[in-house]
PDB file of all heavy atoms in Angstrom:
ATOM      1  N   PHE A   1      -5.436  -8.401  -1.611  1.00  0.00           N
ATOM      2  CA  PHE A   1      -4.251  -7.656  -2.055  1.00  0.00           C
ATOM      3  C   PHE A   1      -2.963  -8.424  -1.804  1.00  0.00           C
ATOM      4  O   PHE A   1      -1.991  -8.288  -2.543  1.00  0.00           O
ATOM      5  CB  PHE A   1      -4.182  -6.287  -1.365  1.00  0.00           C
ATOM      6  CG  PHE A   1      -5.176  -5.307  -1.879  1.00  0.00           C
ATOM      7  CD1 PHE A   1      -6.287  -4.970  -1.124  1.00  0.00           C
ATOM      8  CD2 PHE A   1      -5.014  -4.707  -3.121  1.00  0.00           C
ATOM      9  CE1 PHE A   1      -7.217  -4.059  -1.593  1.00  0.00           C
ATOM     10  CE2 PHE A   1      -5.941  -3.794  -3.601  1.00  0.00           C
ATOM     11  CZ  PHE A   1      -7.042  -3.467  -2.841  1.00  0.00           C
ATOM     12  N   PHE A   2      -2.938  -9.192  -0.722  1.00  0.00           N
ATOM     13  CA  PHE A   2      -1.752  -9.952  -0.331  1.00  0.00           C
ATOM     14  C   PHE A   2      -2.181 -11.396  -0.091  1.00  0.00           C
ATOM     15  O   PHE A   2      -2.472 -11.782   1.039  1.00  0.00           O
ATOM     16  CB  PHE A   2      -1.115  -9.350   0.936  1.00  0.00           C
ATOM     17  CG  PHE A   2      -0.755  -7.905   0.771  1.00  0.00           C
ATOM     18  CD1 PHE A   2      -1.613  -6.912   1.228  1.00  0.00           C
ATOM     19  CD2 PHE A   2       0.419  -7.531   0.135  1.00  0.00           C
ATOM     20  CE1 PHE A   2      -1.298  -5.576   1.060  1.00  0.00           C
ATOM     21  CE2 PHE A   2       0.741  -6.203  -0.044  1.00  0.00           C
ATOM     22  CZ  PHE A   2      -0.112  -5.215   0.417  1.00  0.00           C
ATOM     23  N   PRO A   3      -2.242 -12.206  -1.158  1.00  0.00           N
ATOM     24  CA  PRO A   3      -2.789 -13.558  -1.023  1.00  0.00           C
ATOM     25  C   PRO A   3      -1.906 -14.545  -0.258  1.00  0.00           C
ATOM     26  O   PRO A   3      -2.359 -15.616   0.097  1.00  0.00           O
ATOM     27  CB  PRO A   3      -2.988 -14.018  -2.465  1.00  0.00           C
ATOM     28  CG  PRO A   3      -2.148 -13.118  -3.295  1.00  0.00           C
ATOM     29  CD  PRO A   3      -1.951 -11.859  -2.535  1.00  0.00           C
ATOM     30  N   ASP A   4      -0.642 -14.161   0.028  1.00  0.00           N
ATOM     31  CA  ASP A   4       0.198 -15.081   0.800  1.00  0.00           C
ATOM     32  C   ASP A   4       0.882 -14.341   1.948  1.00  0.00           C
ATOM     33  O   ASP A   4       0.981 -13.113   1.961  1.00  0.00           O
ATOM     34  CB  ASP A   4       1.221 -15.787  -0.084  1.00  0.00           C
ATOM     35  CG  ASP A   4       2.169 -14.835  -0.795  1.00  0.00           C
ATOM     36  OD1 ASP A   4       2.658 -13.884  -0.161  1.00  0.00           O
ATOM     37  OD2 ASP A   4       2.423 -15.038  -1.993  1.00  0.00           O
ATOM     38  N   VAL A   5       1.325 -15.113   2.900  1.00  0.00           N
ATOM     39  CA  VAL A   5       1.937 -14.570   4.113  1.00  0.00           C
ATOM     40  C   VAL A   5       3.181 -13.746   3.785  1.00  0.00           C
ATOM     41  O   VAL A   5       3.391 -12.671   4.358  1.00  0.00           O
ATOM     42  CB  VAL A   5       2.284 -15.714   5.103  1.00  0.00           C
ATOM     43  CG1 VAL A   5       3.051 -15.196   6.303  1.00  0.00           C
ATOM     44  CG2 VAL A   5       1.030 -16.430   5.544  1.00  0.00           C
ATOM     45  N   GLN A   6       4.002 -14.216   2.856  1.00  0.00           N
ATOM     46  CA  GLN A   6       5.247 -13.526   2.542  1.00  0.00           C
ATOM     47  C   GLN A   6       4.999 -12.119   2.002  1.00  0.00           C
ATOM     48  O   GLN A   6       5.667 -11.163   2.408  1.00  0.00           O
ATOM     49  CB  GLN A   6       6.087 -14.337   1.537  1.00  0.00           C
ATOM     50  CG  GLN A   6       6.609 -15.647   2.078  1.00  0.00           C
ATOM     51  CD  GLN A   6       5.546 -16.744   2.128  1.00  0.00           C
ATOM     52  OE1 GLN A   6       4.512 -16.696   1.470  1.00  0.00           O
ATOM     53  NE2 GLN A   6       5.811 -17.759   2.948  1.00  0.00           N
ATOM     54  N   GLY A   7       4.047 -11.975   1.098  1.00  0.00           N
ATOM     55  CA  GLY A   7       3.710 -10.658   0.556  1.00  0.00           C
ATOM     56  C   GLY A   7       3.148  -9.730   1.627  1.00  0.00           C
ATOM     57  O   GLY A   7       3.484  -8.543   1.684  1.00  0.00           O
ATOM     58  N   PHE A   8       2.305 -10.275   2.474  1.00  0.00           N
ATOM     59  CA  PHE A   8       1.732  -9.501   3.568  1.00  0.00           C
ATOM     60  C   PHE A   8       2.830  -9.005   4.507  1.00  0.00           C
ATOM     61  O   PHE A   8       2.891  -7.830   4.856  1.00  0.00           O
ATOM     62  CB  PHE A   8       0.710 -10.358   4.333  1.00  0.00           C
ATOM     63  CG  PHE A   8       0.182  -9.718   5.588  1.00  0.00           C
ATOM     64  CD1 PHE A   8      -0.757  -8.694   5.529  1.00  0.00           C
ATOM     65  CD2 PHE A   8       0.615 -10.150   6.834  1.00  0.00           C
ATOM     66  CE1 PHE A   8      -1.250  -8.106   6.684  1.00  0.00           C
ATOM     67  CE2 PHE A   8       0.127  -9.570   7.996  1.00  0.00           C
ATOM     68  CZ  PHE A   8      -0.803  -8.549   7.919  1.00  0.00           C
ATOM     69  N   MET A   9       3.709  -9.909   4.897  1.00  0.00           N
ATOM     70  CA  MET A   9       4.765  -9.535   5.837  1.00  0.00           C
ATOM     71  C   MET A   9       5.746  -8.541   5.221  1.00  0.00           C
ATOM     72  O   MET A   9       6.236  -7.645   5.914  1.00  0.00           O
ATOM     73  CB  MET A   9       5.498 -10.779   6.355  1.00  0.00           C
ATOM     74  CG  MET A   9       4.649 -11.616   7.304  1.00  0.00           C
ATOM     75  SD  MET A   9       3.926 -10.685   8.698  1.00  0.00           S
ATOM     76  CE  MET A   9       5.387 -10.065   9.505  1.00  0.00           C
ATOM     77  N   ALA A  10       6.041  -8.657   3.937  1.00  0.00           N
ATOM     78  CA  ALA A  10       6.919  -7.686   3.278  1.00  0.00           C
ATOM     79  C   ALA A  10       6.305  -6.292   3.352  1.00  0.00           C
ATOM     80  O   ALA A  10       6.998  -5.305   3.637  1.00  0.00           O
ATOM     81  CB  ALA A  10       7.175  -8.099   1.832  1.00  0.00           C
ATOM     82  N   MET A  11       4.995  -6.203   3.115  1.00  0.00           N
ATOM     83  CA  MET A  11       4.283  -4.922   3.194  1.00  0.00           C
ATOM     84  C   MET A  11       4.319  -4.368   4.617  1.00  0.00           C
ATOM     85  O   MET A  11       4.608  -3.189   4.834  1.00  0.00           O
ATOM     86  CB  MET A  11       2.835  -5.110   2.726  1.00  0.00           C
ATOM     87  CG  MET A  11       1.941  -3.889   2.842  1.00  0.00           C
ATOM     88  SD  MET A  11       1.060  -3.691   4.432  1.00  0.00           S
ATOM     89  CE  MET A  11       0.098  -5.180   4.575  1.00  0.00           C
ATOM     90  N   VAL A  12       4.076  -5.222   5.611  1.00  0.00           N
ATOM     91  CA  VAL A  12       4.059  -4.786   7.004  1.00  0.00           C
ATOM     92  C   VAL A  12       5.444  -4.284   7.420  1.00  0.00           C
ATOM     93  O   VAL A  12       5.569  -3.203   8.001  1.00  0.00           O
ATOM     94  CB  VAL A  12       3.589  -5.930   7.940  1.00  0.00           C
ATOM     95  CG1 VAL A  12       3.815  -5.580   9.401  1.00  0.00           C
ATOM     96  CG2 VAL A  12       2.120  -6.251   7.690  1.00  0.00           C
ATOM     97  N   LYS A  13       6.478  -5.044   7.111  1.00  0.00           N
ATOM     98  CA  LYS A  13       7.837  -4.677   7.514  1.00  0.00           C
ATOM     99  C   LYS A  13       8.290  -3.384   6.840  1.00  0.00           C
ATOM    100  O   LYS A  13       9.023  -2.601   7.441  1.00  0.00           O
ATOM    101  CB  LYS A  13       8.805  -5.808   7.205  1.00  0.00           C
ATOM    102  CG  LYS A  13       8.614  -7.008   8.107  1.00  0.00           C
ATOM    103  CD  LYS A  13       9.502  -8.168   7.692  1.00  0.00           C
ATOM    104  CE  LYS A  13       9.225  -9.402   8.539  1.00  0.00           C
ATOM    105  NZ  LYS A  13      10.034 -10.554   8.113  1.00  0.00           N
ATOM    106  N   LYS A  14       7.831  -3.162   5.624  1.00  0.00           N
ATOM    107  CA  LYS A  14       8.246  -1.961   4.891  1.00  0.00           C
ATOM    108  C   LYS A  14       7.482  -0.718   5.341  1.00  0.00           C
ATOM    109  O   LYS A  14       8.070   0.343   5.536  1.00  0.00           O
ATOM    110  CB  LYS A  14       8.048  -2.165   3.393  1.00  0.00           C
ATOM    111  CG  LYS A  14       8.505  -0.989   2.568  1.00  0.00           C
ATOM    112  CD  LYS A  14       8.365  -1.255   1.093  1.00  0.00           C
ATOM    113  CE  LYS A  14       8.829  -0.038   0.305  1.00  0.00           C
ATOM    114  NZ  LYS A  14       8.626  -0.218  -1.119  1.00  0.00           N
ATOM    115  N   GLY A  15       6.174  -0.832   5.522  1.00  0.00           N
ATOM    116  CA  GLY A  15       5.356   0.347   5.762  1.00  0.00           C
ATOM    117  C   GLY A  15       4.766   0.511   7.145  1.00  0.00           C
ATOM    118  O   GLY A  15       4.175   1.548   7.442  1.00  0.00           O
ATOM    119  N   TYR A  16       4.928  -0.496   7.994  1.00  0.00           N
ATOM    120  CA  TYR A  16       4.262  -0.465   9.299  1.00  0.00           C
ATOM    121  C   TYR A  16       5.210  -0.864  10.429  1.00  0.00           C
ATOM    122  O   TYR A  16       4.832  -1.566  11.364  1.00  0.00           O
ATOM    123  CB  TYR A  16       3.030  -1.385   9.279  1.00  0.00           C
ATOM    124  CG  TYR A  16       1.974  -0.901   8.323  1.00  0.00           C
ATOM    125  CD1 TYR A  16       1.993  -1.290   6.978  1.00  0.00           C
ATOM    126  CD2 TYR A  16       0.978  -0.032   8.737  1.00  0.00           C
ATOM    127  CE1 TYR A  16       1.044  -0.823   6.089  1.00  0.00           C
ATOM    128  CE2 TYR A  16       0.016   0.440   7.853  1.00  0.00           C
ATOM    129  CZ  TYR A  16       0.057   0.035   6.531  1.00  0.00           C
ATOM    130  OH  TYR A  16      -0.888   0.497   5.653  1.00  0.00           O
ATOM    131  N   GLN A  17       6.446  -0.388  10.364  1.00  0.00           N
ATOM    132  CA  GLN A  17       7.451  -0.700  11.383  1.00  0.00           C
ATOM    133  C   GLN A  17       6.959  -0.467  12.813  1.00  0.00           C
ATOM    134  O   GLN A  17       7.210  -1.304  13.675  1.00  0.00           O
ATOM    135  CB  GLN A  17       8.723   0.126  11.140  1.00  0.00           C
ATOM    136  CG  GLN A  17       9.631  -0.428  10.080  1.00  0.00           C
ATOM    137  CD  GLN A  17      10.432  -1.606  10.574  1.00  0.00           C
ATOM    138  OE1 GLN A  17      10.911  -1.616  11.705  1.00  0.00           O
ATOM    139  NE2 GLN A  17      10.566  -2.610   9.726  1.00  0.00           N
ATOM    140  N   PRO A  18       6.274   0.649  13.092  1.00  0.00           N
ATOM    141  CA  PRO A  18       5.854   0.887  14.485  1.00  0.00           C
ATOM    142  C   PRO A  18       4.960  -0.212  15.061  1.00  0.00           C
ATOM    143  O   PRO A  18       5.060  -0.510  16.257  1.00  0.00           O
ATOM    144  CB  PRO A  18       5.113   2.222  14.417  1.00  0.00           C
ATOM    145  CG  PRO A  18       5.724   2.917  13.247  1.00  0.00           C
ATOM    146  CD  PRO A  18       5.988   1.815  12.244  1.00  0.00           C
ATOM    147  N   VAL A  19       4.091  -0.820  14.248  1.00  0.00           N
ATOM    148  CA  VAL A  19       3.237  -1.888  14.789  1.00  0.00           C
ATOM    149  C   VAL A  19       3.876  -3.261  14.598  1.00  0.00           C
ATOM    150  O   VAL A  19       3.542  -4.194  15.319  1.00  0.00           O
ATOM    151  CB  VAL A  19       1.804  -1.869  14.202  1.00  0.00           C
ATOM    152  CG1 VAL A  19       1.076  -0.614  14.621  1.00  0.00           C
ATOM    153  CG2 VAL A  19       1.774  -2.045  12.719  1.00  0.00           C
ATOM    154  N   TRP A  20       4.782  -3.391  13.653  1.00  0.00           N
ATOM    155  CA  TRP A  20       5.468  -4.665  13.459  1.00  0.00           C
ATOM    156  C   TRP A  20       6.478  -4.912  14.577  1.00  0.00           C
ATOM    157  O   TRP A  20       6.640  -6.036  15.046  1.00  0.00           O
ATOM    158  CB  TRP A  20       6.164  -4.705  12.095  1.00  0.00           C
ATOM    159  CG  TRP A  20       6.974  -5.943  11.900  1.00  0.00           C
ATOM    160  CD1 TRP A  20       6.510  -7.226  11.799  1.00  0.00           C
ATOM    161  CD2 TRP A  20       8.397  -6.026  11.818  1.00  0.00           C
ATOM    162  NE1 TRP A  20       7.556  -8.103  11.652  1.00  0.00           N
ATOM    163  CE2 TRP A  20       8.730  -7.379  11.658  1.00  0.00           C
ATOM    164  CE3 TRP A  20       9.418  -5.081  11.851  1.00  0.00           C
ATOM    165  CZ2 TRP A  20      10.034  -7.818  11.535  1.00  0.00           C
ATOM    166  CZ3 TRP A  20      10.715  -5.519  11.726  1.00  0.00           C
ATOM    167  CH2 TRP A  20      11.015  -6.874  11.567  1.00  0.00           C
ATOM    168  N   ASN A  21       7.136  -3.849  15.022  1.00  0.00           N
ATOM    169  CA  ASN A  21       8.185  -3.989  16.023  1.00  0.00           C
ATOM    170  C   ASN A  21       8.090  -2.853  17.058  1.00  0.00           C
ATOM    171  O   ASN A  21       9.001  -2.046  17.176  1.00  0.00           O
ATOM    172  CB  ASN A  21       9.553  -3.982  15.331  1.00  0.00           C
ATOM    173  CG  ASN A  21      10.680  -4.309  16.265  1.00  0.00           C
ATOM    174  OD1 ASN A  21      10.471  -4.889  17.321  1.00  0.00           O
ATOM    175  ND2 ASN A  21      11.885  -3.920  15.890  1.00  0.00           N
ATOM    176  N   PRO A  22       6.997  -2.784  17.806  1.00  0.00           N
ATOM    177  CA  PRO A  22       6.829  -1.669  18.746  1.00  0.00           C
ATOM    178  C   PRO A  22       7.672  -1.833  20.007  1.00  0.00           C
ATOM    179  O   PRO A  22       7.879  -2.943  20.487  1.00  0.00           O
ATOM    180  CB  PRO A  22       5.345  -1.747  19.097  1.00  0.00           C
ATOM    181  CG  PRO A  22       5.022  -3.199  18.991  1.00  0.00           C
ATOM    182  CD  PRO A  22       5.868  -3.708  17.844  1.00  0.00           C
ATOM    183  N   LYS A  23       8.155  -0.695  20.517  1.00  0.00           N
ATOM    184  CA  LYS A  23       8.788  -0.726  21.842  1.00  0.00           C
ATOM    185  C   LYS A  23       7.699  -0.910  22.886  1.00  0.00           C
ATOM    186  O   LYS A  23       7.865  -1.642  23.851  1.00  0.00           O
ATOM    187  CB  LYS A  23       9.554   0.575  22.113  1.00  0.00           C
ATOM    188  CG  LYS A  23      10.913   0.604  21.495  1.00  0.00           C
ATOM    189  CD  LYS A  23      11.707   1.776  22.032  1.00  0.00           C
ATOM    190  CE  LYS A  23      13.123   1.694  21.520  1.00  0.00           C
ATOM    191  NZ  LYS A  23      13.955   2.762  22.066  1.00  0.00           N
ATOM    192  N   ASN A  24       6.582  -0.196  22.693  1.00  0.00           N
ATOM    193  CA  ASN A  24       5.409  -0.376  23.540  1.00  0.00           C
ATOM    194  C   ASN A  24       4.196   0.189  22.815  1.00  0.00           C
ATOM    195  O   ASN A  24       4.331   0.887  21.814  1.00  0.00           O
ATOM    196  CB  ASN A  24       5.581   0.233  24.939  1.00  0.00           C
ATOM    197  CG  ASN A  24       5.878   1.708  24.885  1.00  0.00           C
ATOM    198  OD1 ASN A  24       5.160   2.474  24.257  1.00  0.00           O
ATOM    199  ND2 ASN A  24       6.937   2.129  25.551  1.00  0.00           N
ATOM    200  N   TYR A  25       3.037  -0.124  23.327  1.00  0.00           N
ATOM    201  CA  TYR A  25       1.787   0.357  22.735  1.00  0.00           C
ATOM    202  C   TYR A  25       0.693   0.355  23.782  1.00  0.00           C
ATOM    203  O   TYR A  25       0.766  -0.350  24.784  1.00  0.00           O
ATOM    204  CB  TYR A  25       1.382  -0.483  21.514  1.00  0.00           C
ATOM    205  CG  TYR A  25       1.041  -1.924  21.816  1.00  0.00           C
ATOM    206  CD1 TYR A  25      -0.265  -2.306  22.100  1.00  0.00           C
ATOM    207  CD2 TYR A  25       2.028  -2.892  21.827  1.00  0.00           C
ATOM    208  CE1 TYR A  25      -0.573  -3.624  22.370  1.00  0.00           C
ATOM    209  CE2 TYR A  25       1.728  -4.215  22.096  1.00  0.00           C
ATOM    210  CZ  TYR A  25       0.432  -4.578  22.358  1.00  0.00           C
ATOM    211  OH  TYR A  25       0.121  -5.894  22.635  1.00  0.00           O
ATOM    212  N   ASP A  26      -0.313   1.191  23.510  1.00  0.00           N
ATOM    213  CA  ASP A  26      -1.471   1.261  24.387  1.00  0.00           C
ATOM    214  C   ASP A  26      -2.665   1.691  23.541  1.00  0.00           C
ATOM    215  O   ASP A  26      -2.503   2.412  22.556  1.00  0.00           O
ATOM    216  CB  ASP A  26      -1.231   2.268  25.515  1.00  0.00           C
ATOM    217  CG  ASP A  26      -2.199   2.096  26.672  1.00  0.00           C
ATOM    218  OD1 ASP A  26      -2.885   1.055  26.747  1.00  0.00           O
ATOM    219  OD2 ASP A  26      -2.262   3.000  27.516  1.00  0.00           O
ATOM    220  N   PHE A  27      -3.835   1.272  23.937  1.00  0.00           N
ATOM    221  CA  PHE A  27      -5.020   1.622  23.172  1.00  0.00           C
ATOM    222  C   PHE A  27      -5.468   3.039  23.489  1.00  0.00           C
ATOM    223  O   PHE A  27      -5.463   3.455  24.641  1.00  0.00           O
ATOM    224  CB  PHE A  27      -6.146   0.616  23.436  1.00  0.00           C
ATOM    225  CG  PHE A  27      -5.836  -0.728  22.858  1.00  0.00           C
ATOM    226  CD1 PHE A  27      -5.322  -1.738  23.649  1.00  0.00           C
ATOM    227  CD2 PHE A  27      -6.012  -0.968  21.502  1.00  0.00           C
ATOM    228  CE1 PHE A  27      -5.001  -2.966  23.114  1.00  0.00           C
ATOM    229  CE2 PHE A  27      -5.694  -2.195  20.954  1.00  0.00           C
ATOM    230  CZ  PHE A  27      -5.187  -3.202  21.752  1.00  0.00           C
ATOM    231  N   GLY A  28      -5.825   3.760  22.446  1.00  0.00           N
ATOM    232  CA  GLY A  28      -6.360   5.107  22.576  1.00  0.00           C
ATOM    233  C   GLY A  28      -7.867   5.081  22.428  1.00  0.00           C
ATOM    234  O   GLY A  28      -8.541   4.141  22.869  1.00  0.00           O
ATOM    235  N   ARG A  29      -8.379   6.099  21.756  1.00  0.00           N
ATOM    236  CA  ARG A  29      -9.832   6.237  21.601  1.00  0.00           C
ATOM    237  C   ARG A  29     -10.403   5.150  20.693  1.00  0.00           C
ATOM    238  O   ARG A  29      -9.734   4.664  19.793  1.00  0.00           O
ATOM    239  CB  ARG A  29     -10.156   7.601  21.001  1.00  0.00           C
ATOM    240  CG  ARG A  29      -9.792   8.748  21.919  1.00  0.00           C
ATOM    241  CD  ARG A  29     -10.046  10.066  21.260  1.00  0.00           C
ATOM    242  NE  ARG A  29      -9.115  10.185  20.128  1.00  0.00           N
ATOM    243  CZ  ARG A  29      -8.967  11.255  19.392  1.00  0.00           C
ATOM    244  NH1 ARG A  29      -9.691  12.316  19.615  1.00  0.00           N
ATOM    245  NH2 ARG A  29      -8.107  11.283  18.389  1.00  0.00           N
ATOM    246  N   THR A  30     -11.657   4.830  20.955  1.00  0.00           N
ATOM    247  CA  THR A  30     -12.408   3.890  20.138  1.00  0.00           C
ATOM    248  C   THR A  30     -13.635   4.605  19.621  1.00  0.00           C
ATOM    249  O   THR A  30     -14.374   5.211  20.401  1.00  0.00           O
ATOM    250  CB  THR A  30     -12.863   2.668  20.960  1.00  0.00           C
ATOM    251  OG1 THR A  30     -11.731   2.080  21.586  1.00  0.00           O
ATOM    252  CG2 THR A  30     -13.568   1.646  20.081  1.00  0.00           C
ATOM    253  N   LYS A  31     -13.838   4.551  18.322  1.00  0.00           N
ATOM    254  CA  LYS A  31     -15.055   5.101  17.740  1.00  0.00           C
ATOM    255  C   LYS A  31     -16.116   4.019  17.821  1.00  0.00           C
ATOM    256  O   LYS A  31     -15.856   2.862  17.485  1.00  0.00           O
ATOM    257  CB  LYS A  31     -14.797   5.487  16.285  1.00  0.00           C
ATOM    258  CG  LYS A  31     -15.640   6.594  15.780  1.00  0.00           C
ATOM    259  CD  LYS A  31     -15.175   6.956  14.380  1.00  0.00           C
ATOM    260  CE  LYS A  31     -15.683   8.301  13.980  1.00  0.00           C
ATOM    261  NZ  LYS A  31     -15.270   8.627  12.619  1.00  0.00           N
ATOM    262  N   GLU A  32     -17.284   4.392  18.283  1.00  0.00           N
ATOM    263  CA  GLU A  32     -18.362   3.425  18.469  1.00  0.00           C
ATOM    264  C   GLU A  32     -18.662   2.672  17.169  1.00  0.00           C
ATOM    265  O   GLU A  32     -18.502   3.220  16.083  1.00  0.00           O
ATOM    266  CB  GLU A  32     -19.622   4.144  18.941  1.00  0.00           C
ATOM    267  CG  GLU A  32     -19.490   4.725  20.333  1.00  0.00           C
ATOM    268  CD  GLU A  32     -19.199   3.691  21.389  1.00  0.00           C
ATOM    269  OE1 GLU A  32     -19.810   2.613  21.384  1.00  0.00           O
ATOM    270  OE2 GLU A  32     -18.345   3.960  22.247  1.00  0.00           O
ATOM    271  N   PRO A  33     -19.081   1.424  17.301  1.00  0.00           N
ATOM    272  CA  PRO A  33     -19.391   0.639  16.107  1.00  0.00           C
ATOM    273  C   PRO A  33     -20.388   1.351  15.194  1.00  0.00           C
ATOM    274  O   PRO A  33     -21.384   1.893  15.658  1.00  0.00           O
ATOM    275  CB  PRO A  33     -20.000  -0.641  16.672  1.00  0.00           C
ATOM    276  CG  PRO A  33     -19.464  -0.735  18.057  1.00  0.00           C
ATOM    277  CD  PRO A  33     -19.304   0.680  18.526  1.00  0.00           C
ATOM    278  N   LYS A  34     -20.061   1.408  13.924  1.00  0.00           N
ATOM    279  CA  LYS A  34     -20.936   2.033  12.935  1.00  0.00           C
ATOM    280  C   LYS A  34     -20.747   1.286  11.625  1.00  0.00           C
ATOM    281  O   LYS A  34     -19.614   0.986  11.235  1.00  0.00           O
ATOM    282  CB  LYS A  34     -20.550   3.504  12.761  1.00  0.00           C
ATOM    283  CG  LYS A  34     -21.422   4.249  11.788  1.00  0.00           C
ATOM    284  CD  LYS A  34     -20.997   5.692  11.673  1.00  0.00           C
ATOM    285  CE  LYS A  34     -21.826   6.360  10.598  1.00  0.00           C
ATOM    286  NZ  LYS A  34     -21.403   7.714  10.351  1.00  0.00           N
ATOM    287  N   ASP A  35     -21.835   1.006  10.965  1.00  0.00           N
ATOM    288  CA  ASP A  35     -21.787   0.296   9.688  1.00  0.00           C
ATOM    289  C   ASP A  35     -20.990  -1.003   9.795  1.00  0.00           C
ATOM    290  O   ASP A  35     -20.271  -1.372   8.872  1.00  0.00           O
ATOM    291  CB  ASP A  35     -21.203   1.187   8.587  1.00  0.00           C
ATOM    292  CG  ASP A  35     -22.013   2.457   8.359  1.00  0.00           C
ATOM    293  OD1 ASP A  35     -23.238   2.406   8.577  1.00  0.00           O
ATOM    294  OD2 ASP A  35     -21.424   3.478   7.984  1.00  0.00           O
ATOM    295  N   GLY A  36     -21.077  -1.650  10.938  1.00  0.00           N
ATOM    296  CA  GLY A  36     -20.390  -2.914  11.116  1.00  0.00           C
ATOM    297  C   GLY A  36     -18.896  -2.799  11.321  1.00  0.00           C
ATOM    298  O   GLY A  36     -18.190  -3.797  11.230  1.00  0.00           O
ATOM    299  N   GLN A  37     -18.389  -1.592  11.575  1.00  0.00           N
ATOM    300  CA  GLN A  37     -16.955  -1.403  11.768  1.00  0.00           C
ATOM    301  C   GLN A  37     -16.666  -0.655  13.064  1.00  0.00           C
ATOM    302  O   GLN A  37     -17.513   0.081  13.557  1.00  0.00           O
ATOM    303  CB  GLN A  37     -16.347  -0.626  10.602  1.00  0.00           C
ATOM    304  CG  GLN A  37     -16.432  -1.354   9.288  1.00  0.00           C
ATOM    305  CD  GLN A  37     -15.605  -0.697   8.201  1.00  0.00           C
ATOM    306  OE1 GLN A  37     -15.288   0.482   8.265  1.00  0.00           O
ATOM    307  NE2 GLN A  37     -15.259  -1.470   7.199  1.00  0.00           N
ATOM    308  N   ILE A  38     -15.474  -0.864  13.579  1.00  0.00           N
ATOM    309  CA  ILE A  38     -14.966  -0.121  14.726  1.00  0.00           C
ATOM    310  C   ILE A  38     -13.671   0.546  14.274  1.00  0.00           C
ATOM    311  O   ILE A  38     -12.874  -0.060  13.564  1.00  0.00           O
ATOM    312  CB  ILE A  38     -14.672  -1.054  15.921  1.00  0.00           C
ATOM    313  CG1 ILE A  38     -15.970  -1.575  16.526  1.00  0.00           C
ATOM    314  CG2 ILE A  38     -13.831  -0.353  16.984  1.00  0.00           C
ATOM    315  CD1 ILE A  38     -15.774  -2.547  17.661  1.00  0.00           C
ATOM    316  N   VAL A  39     -13.468   1.773  14.695  1.00  0.00           N
ATOM    317  CA  VAL A  39     -12.199   2.455  14.465  1.00  0.00           C
ATOM    318  C   VAL A  39     -11.511   2.565  15.818  1.00  0.00           C
ATOM    319  O   VAL A  39     -12.068   3.130  16.759  1.00  0.00           O
ATOM    320  CB  VAL A  39     -12.404   3.841  13.812  1.00  0.00           C
ATOM    321  CG1 VAL A  39     -11.074   4.563  13.667  1.00  0.00           C
ATOM    322  CG2 VAL A  39     -13.084   3.695  12.458  1.00  0.00           C
ATOM    323  N   GLN A  40     -10.311   2.002  15.903  1.00  0.00           N
ATOM    324  CA  GLN A  40      -9.565   1.937  17.155  1.00  0.00           C
ATOM    325  C   GLN A  40      -8.199   2.582  16.991  1.00  0.00           C
ATOM    326  O   GLN A  40      -7.446   2.215  16.103  1.00  0.00           O
ATOM    327  CB  GLN A  40      -9.380   0.471  17.580  1.00  0.00           C
ATOM    328  CG  GLN A  40      -8.520   0.260  18.802  1.00  0.00           C
ATOM    329  CD  GLN A  40      -9.131   0.834  20.055  1.00  0.00           C
ATOM    330  OE1 GLN A  40     -10.219   0.440  20.451  1.00  0.00           O
ATOM    331  NE2 GLN A  40      -8.454   1.776  20.693  1.00  0.00           N
ATOM    332  N   GLU A  41      -7.883   3.547  17.859  1.00  0.00           N
ATOM    333  CA  GLU A  41      -6.551   4.143  17.856  1.00  0.00           C
ATOM    334  C   GLU A  41      -5.619   3.291  18.712  1.00  0.00           C
ATOM    335  O   GLU A  41      -6.005   2.779  19.760  1.00  0.00           O
ATOM    336  CB  GLU A  41      -6.576   5.547  18.462  1.00  0.00           C
ATOM    337  CG  GLU A  41      -7.190   6.592  17.581  1.00  0.00           C
ATOM    338  CD  GLU A  41      -7.107   7.981  18.209  1.00  0.00           C
ATOM    339  OE1 GLU A  41      -6.681   8.125  19.384  1.00  0.00           O
ATOM    340  OE2 GLU A  41      -7.474   8.934  17.511  1.00  0.00           O
ATOM    341  N   LEU A  42      -4.377   3.190  18.235  1.00  0.00           N
ATOM    342  CA  LEU A  42      -3.333   2.527  18.996  1.00  0.00           C
ATOM    343  C   LEU A  42      -2.168   3.498  19.091  1.00  0.00           C
ATOM    344  O   LEU A  42      -1.666   3.981  18.075  1.00  0.00           O
ATOM    345  CB  LEU A  42      -2.891   1.242  18.284  1.00  0.00           C
ATOM    346  CG  LEU A  42      -1.909   0.368  19.045  1.00  0.00           C
ATOM    347  CD1 LEU A  42      -2.620  -0.339  20.204  1.00  0.00           C
ATOM    348  CD2 LEU A  42      -1.288  -0.662  18.117  1.00  0.00           C
ATOM    349  N   LEU A  43      -1.796   3.837  20.318  1.00  0.00           N
ATOM    350  CA  LEU A  43      -0.680   4.747  20.554  1.00  0.00           C
ATOM    351  C   LEU A  43       0.574   3.899  20.677  1.00  0.00           C
ATOM    352  O   LEU A  43       0.659   3.031  21.551  1.00  0.00           O
ATOM    353  CB  LEU A  43      -0.938   5.561  21.818  1.00  0.00           C
ATOM    354  CG  LEU A  43      -2.321   6.235  21.865  1.00  0.00           C
ATOM    355  CD1 LEU A  43      -2.566   6.875  23.215  1.00  0.00           C
ATOM    356  CD2 LEU A  43      -2.482   7.231  20.735  1.00  0.00           C
TER     357      LEU A  43
END
């Protein structure tokens, strides 16, 4: 979807401010691995 760094970063800065520039963060719950994936919450 974002073949270059600039497009990726534009998307992150526009829609994901909390993870792009967090004041702080901590890991929450982790869903056990299933179908080769892990679901991880980040507070």
